[in-house]
N, C-alpha and C. Protein backbone atom coordinates (compact mmCIF):
# COMPACT_ATOMS: atom_id res chain seq x y z
N UNK A 1 0.92 -1.13 -0.11
CA UNK A 1 -0.02 -0.15 -0.16
C UNK A 1 0.82 1.26 0.13
N UNK A 2 0.62 2.17 -0.83
CA UNK A 2 1.15 3.45 -0.65
C UNK A 2 0.16 4.45 -0.44
N UNK A 3 0.37 5.19 0.65
CA UNK A 3 -0.51 6.40 1.01
C UNK A 3 0.08 7.69 0.51
N UNK A 4 -0.73 8.27 -0.54
CA UNK A 4 -0.22 9.59 -1.03
C UNK A 4 -0.95 10.77 -0.17
N UNK A 5 -0.26 11.68 0.18
CA UNK A 5 -0.78 12.89 0.87
C UNK A 5 0.12 14.09 0.26
N UNK A 6 -0.58 15.06 -0.43
CA UNK A 6 -0.14 16.20 -0.84
C UNK A 6 1.20 16.11 -1.52
N UNK A 7 1.04 14.95 -2.47
CA UNK A 7 2.27 14.57 -3.47
C UNK A 7 3.26 13.79 -2.90
N UNK A 8 3.26 13.67 -1.52
CA UNK A 8 4.39 12.70 -0.88
C UNK A 8 3.62 11.35 -0.71
N UNK A 9 4.56 10.39 -0.69
CA UNK A 9 4.19 8.94 -0.76
C UNK A 9 4.80 8.48 0.62
N UNK A 10 4.12 7.63 1.34
CA UNK A 10 4.80 6.61 2.33
C UNK A 10 4.33 5.34 2.02
N UNK A 11 5.45 4.57 2.35
CA UNK A 11 5.36 2.98 1.77
C UNK A 11 5.26 2.07 3.22
N UNK A 12 4.01 1.80 3.47
CA UNK A 12 3.97 0.99 4.73
C UNK A 12 4.52 -0.44 4.50
N UNK A 13 4.46 -1.30 5.68
CA UNK A 13 5.35 -2.62 5.47
C UNK A 13 4.48 -3.61 4.51
N UNK A 14 3.05 -3.65 4.57
CA UNK A 14 2.17 -4.44 3.83
C UNK A 14 2.05 -3.88 2.36
N UNK A 15 2.12 -4.85 1.47
CA UNK A 15 2.10 -4.45 0.20
C UNK A 15 0.88 -5.11 -0.71
N UNK A 16 -0.13 -5.74 -0.17
CA UNK A 16 -1.13 -6.25 -0.59
C UNK A 16 -2.22 -5.25 -1.06
N UNK A 17 -2.41 -4.09 -0.09
CA UNK A 17 -3.35 -3.09 -0.32
C UNK A 17 -3.00 -2.23 -1.32
N UNK A 18 -4.00 -1.92 -2.31
CA UNK A 18 -3.93 -0.91 -3.36
C UNK A 18 -3.64 0.40 -2.79
N UNK A 19 -3.19 1.29 -3.70
CA UNK A 19 -2.81 2.52 -3.30
C UNK A 19 -4.11 3.18 -2.57
N UNK A 20 -3.72 3.98 -1.56
CA UNK A 20 -4.86 4.59 -0.83
C UNK A 20 -4.39 6.17 -0.84
N UNK A 21 -5.39 7.03 -1.49
CA UNK A 21 -4.91 8.46 -1.70
C UNK A 21 -5.97 9.24 -0.84
N UNK A 22 -5.34 10.29 -0.20
CA UNK A 22 -5.91 11.33 0.50
C UNK A 22 -6.04 12.52 -0.15
N UNK A 23 -6.91 13.31 0.16
CA UNK A 23 -7.09 14.59 -0.35
C UNK A 23 -6.19 15.59 -0.05
N UNK A 24 -6.04 16.77 -1.00
CA UNK A 24 -5.12 17.80 -0.61
C UNK A 24 -5.64 18.34 0.47
N UNK A 25 -4.70 18.53 1.48
CA UNK A 25 -5.15 19.19 2.71
C UNK A 25 -4.64 20.55 3.04
N UNK A 26 -3.71 21.07 2.23
CA UNK A 26 -3.24 22.36 2.18
C UNK A 26 -4.37 23.57 2.41
N UNK A 27 -4.24 24.18 3.59
CA UNK A 27 -5.39 25.22 3.72
C UNK A 27 -6.48 24.91 4.56
N UNK A 28 -6.58 23.62 4.86
CA UNK A 28 -7.81 23.05 5.76
C UNK A 28 -7.49 23.38 7.08
N UNK A 29 -8.61 23.57 7.70
CA UNK A 29 -8.42 23.62 9.28
C UNK A 29 -7.88 22.41 9.92
N UNK A 30 -7.09 22.66 10.93
CA UNK A 30 -6.42 21.50 11.54
C UNK A 30 -7.30 20.56 12.13
N UNK A 31 -8.50 20.68 12.54
CA UNK A 31 -9.44 19.91 12.95
C UNK A 31 -9.85 18.80 11.79
N UNK A 32 -9.89 19.40 10.55
CA UNK A 32 -10.30 18.58 9.37
C UNK A 32 -9.12 17.83 9.02
N UNK A 33 -8.03 18.27 9.07
CA UNK A 33 -6.85 17.47 8.73
C UNK A 33 -6.63 16.51 9.57
N UNK A 34 -6.90 16.66 10.81
CA UNK A 34 -6.69 15.49 11.94
C UNK A 34 -7.92 14.37 11.60
N UNK A 35 -9.24 14.84 11.27
CA UNK A 35 -10.26 13.91 10.85
C UNK A 35 -9.91 13.00 9.68
N UNK A 36 -9.40 13.75 8.60
CA UNK A 36 -9.04 13.18 7.28
C UNK A 36 -8.09 12.08 7.67
N UNK A 37 -7.01 12.41 8.32
CA UNK A 37 -5.84 11.53 8.73
C UNK A 37 -6.44 10.18 9.55
N UNK A 38 -7.37 10.54 10.59
CA UNK A 38 -7.78 9.46 11.20
C UNK A 38 -8.49 8.50 10.38
N UNK A 39 -9.37 8.95 9.52
CA UNK A 39 -10.23 8.31 8.63
C UNK A 39 -9.48 7.50 7.67
N UNK A 40 -8.47 7.94 7.07
CA UNK A 40 -7.59 7.28 6.10
C UNK A 40 -6.76 6.12 6.83
N UNK A 41 -6.34 6.48 8.10
CA UNK A 41 -5.81 5.37 8.98
C UNK A 41 -6.74 4.16 9.23
N UNK A 42 -7.87 4.49 9.66
CA UNK A 42 -8.93 3.45 9.75
C UNK A 42 -9.34 2.70 8.66
N UNK A 43 -9.40 3.44 7.39
CA UNK A 43 -9.80 2.57 6.21
C UNK A 43 -8.65 1.68 6.03
N UNK A 44 -7.27 2.07 5.95
CA UNK A 44 -6.26 1.45 5.74
C UNK A 44 -6.28 0.09 6.69
N UNK A 45 -6.56 0.28 8.08
CA UNK A 45 -6.74 -0.71 8.87
C UNK A 45 -7.63 -1.84 8.41
N UNK A 46 -8.90 -1.23 8.07
CA UNK A 46 -10.17 -2.17 7.65
C UNK A 46 -9.75 -3.02 6.47
N UNK A 47 -9.02 -2.54 5.45
CA UNK A 47 -8.52 -3.20 4.20
C UNK A 47 -7.42 -4.30 4.71
N UNK A 48 -6.46 -4.03 5.59
CA UNK A 48 -5.59 -4.96 6.11
C UNK A 48 -6.32 -6.08 6.77
N UNK A 49 -7.29 -5.64 7.62
CA UNK A 49 -8.06 -6.56 8.26
C UNK A 49 -8.76 -7.58 7.21
N UNK A 50 -9.33 -7.05 6.17
CA UNK A 50 -10.03 -7.84 5.31
C UNK A 50 -9.22 -8.71 4.52
N UNK A 51 -8.02 -8.14 4.24
CA UNK A 51 -6.96 -9.02 3.55
C UNK A 51 -6.59 -10.20 4.24
N UNK A 52 -6.35 -9.98 5.58
CA UNK A 52 -5.86 -11.10 6.64
C UNK A 52 -6.99 -12.06 6.65
N UNK A 53 -8.35 -11.47 6.94
CA UNK A 53 -9.41 -12.40 6.79
C UNK A 53 -9.42 -13.23 5.65
N UNK A 54 -9.26 -12.82 4.37
CA UNK A 54 -9.38 -13.52 3.23
C UNK A 54 -8.25 -14.66 3.30
N UNK A 55 -7.07 -14.16 3.57
CA UNK A 55 -5.99 -15.29 3.85
C UNK A 55 -6.33 -16.32 4.67
N UNK A 56 -6.82 -16.07 5.95
CA UNK A 56 -7.18 -17.13 6.93
C UNK A 56 -8.29 -18.02 6.21
N UNK A 57 -9.13 -17.51 5.55
CA UNK A 57 -10.30 -18.29 5.00
C UNK A 57 -9.79 -19.24 3.97
N UNK A 58 -8.75 -18.68 3.09
CA UNK A 58 -8.06 -19.51 2.11
C UNK A 58 -7.40 -20.74 2.74
N UNK A 59 -6.57 -20.33 3.81
CA UNK A 59 -5.81 -21.49 4.66
C UNK A 59 -6.79 -22.42 5.26
N UNK A 60 -7.97 -22.01 5.78
CA UNK A 60 -8.95 -22.93 6.34
C UNK A 60 -9.57 -23.95 5.22
N UNK A 61 -9.88 -23.31 3.93
CA UNK A 61 -10.41 -24.02 2.87
C UNK A 61 -9.37 -25.06 2.46
N UNK A 62 -8.09 -24.81 2.40
CA UNK A 62 -7.01 -25.47 2.12
C UNK A 62 -6.90 -26.87 3.09
N UNK A 63 -6.99 -26.41 4.33
CA UNK A 63 -7.02 -27.37 5.40
C UNK A 63 -8.12 -28.34 5.30
N UNK A 64 -9.28 -27.88 5.10
CA UNK A 64 -10.28 -28.71 4.84
C UNK A 64 -10.20 -29.73 3.66
N UNK A 65 -9.69 -29.13 2.58
CA UNK A 65 -9.33 -30.05 1.53
C UNK A 65 -8.48 -31.18 1.75
N UNK A 66 -7.44 -30.73 2.65
CA UNK A 66 -6.38 -31.78 2.97
C UNK A 66 -7.05 -32.84 4.01
N UNK A 67 -7.91 -32.46 4.67
CA UNK A 67 -8.39 -33.34 5.88
C UNK A 67 -9.46 -34.40 4.97
N UNK A 68 -10.18 -33.85 3.97
CA UNK A 68 -10.99 -34.70 3.13
C UNK A 68 -10.30 -35.72 2.48
N UNK A 69 -9.12 -35.21 2.04
CA UNK A 69 -8.24 -36.27 1.34
C UNK A 69 -7.58 -37.39 2.11
N UNK A 70 -7.36 -36.94 3.37
CA UNK A 70 -6.81 -37.79 4.24
C UNK A 70 -7.99 -38.86 4.76
N UNK A 71 -9.12 -38.24 4.96
CA UNK A 71 -10.05 -39.25 5.42
C UNK A 71 -10.45 -40.25 4.19
N UNK A 72 -10.42 -39.80 3.05
CA UNK A 72 -10.70 -40.68 1.86
C UNK A 72 -9.44 -41.92 1.74
N UNK A 73 -8.28 -41.43 2.01
CA UNK A 73 -7.16 -42.54 2.16
C UNK A 73 -7.25 -43.37 3.28
N UNK A 74 -7.90 -43.01 4.32
CA UNK A 74 -7.97 -43.95 5.57
C UNK A 74 -9.30 -44.74 5.38
N UNK A 75 -10.17 -44.52 4.74
CA UNK A 75 -11.35 -45.35 4.48
C UNK A 75 -11.12 -46.52 3.58
């Protein structure tokens, strides 16, 4: 994920999330800037959580498939 703010880009540690862009904040009141920042951070966290959940579901499905194959071999 790359977070773009006012032309600058910051590269977080996770790379699965698509680019997340924030609005141009120059000239906005500090309260609005804080609110926008907080909202963008929360959106990024939700996206990361969704990606992690998708990964865990895929692992569970794989484990289920392997368990079924093992049961077939044991019967």
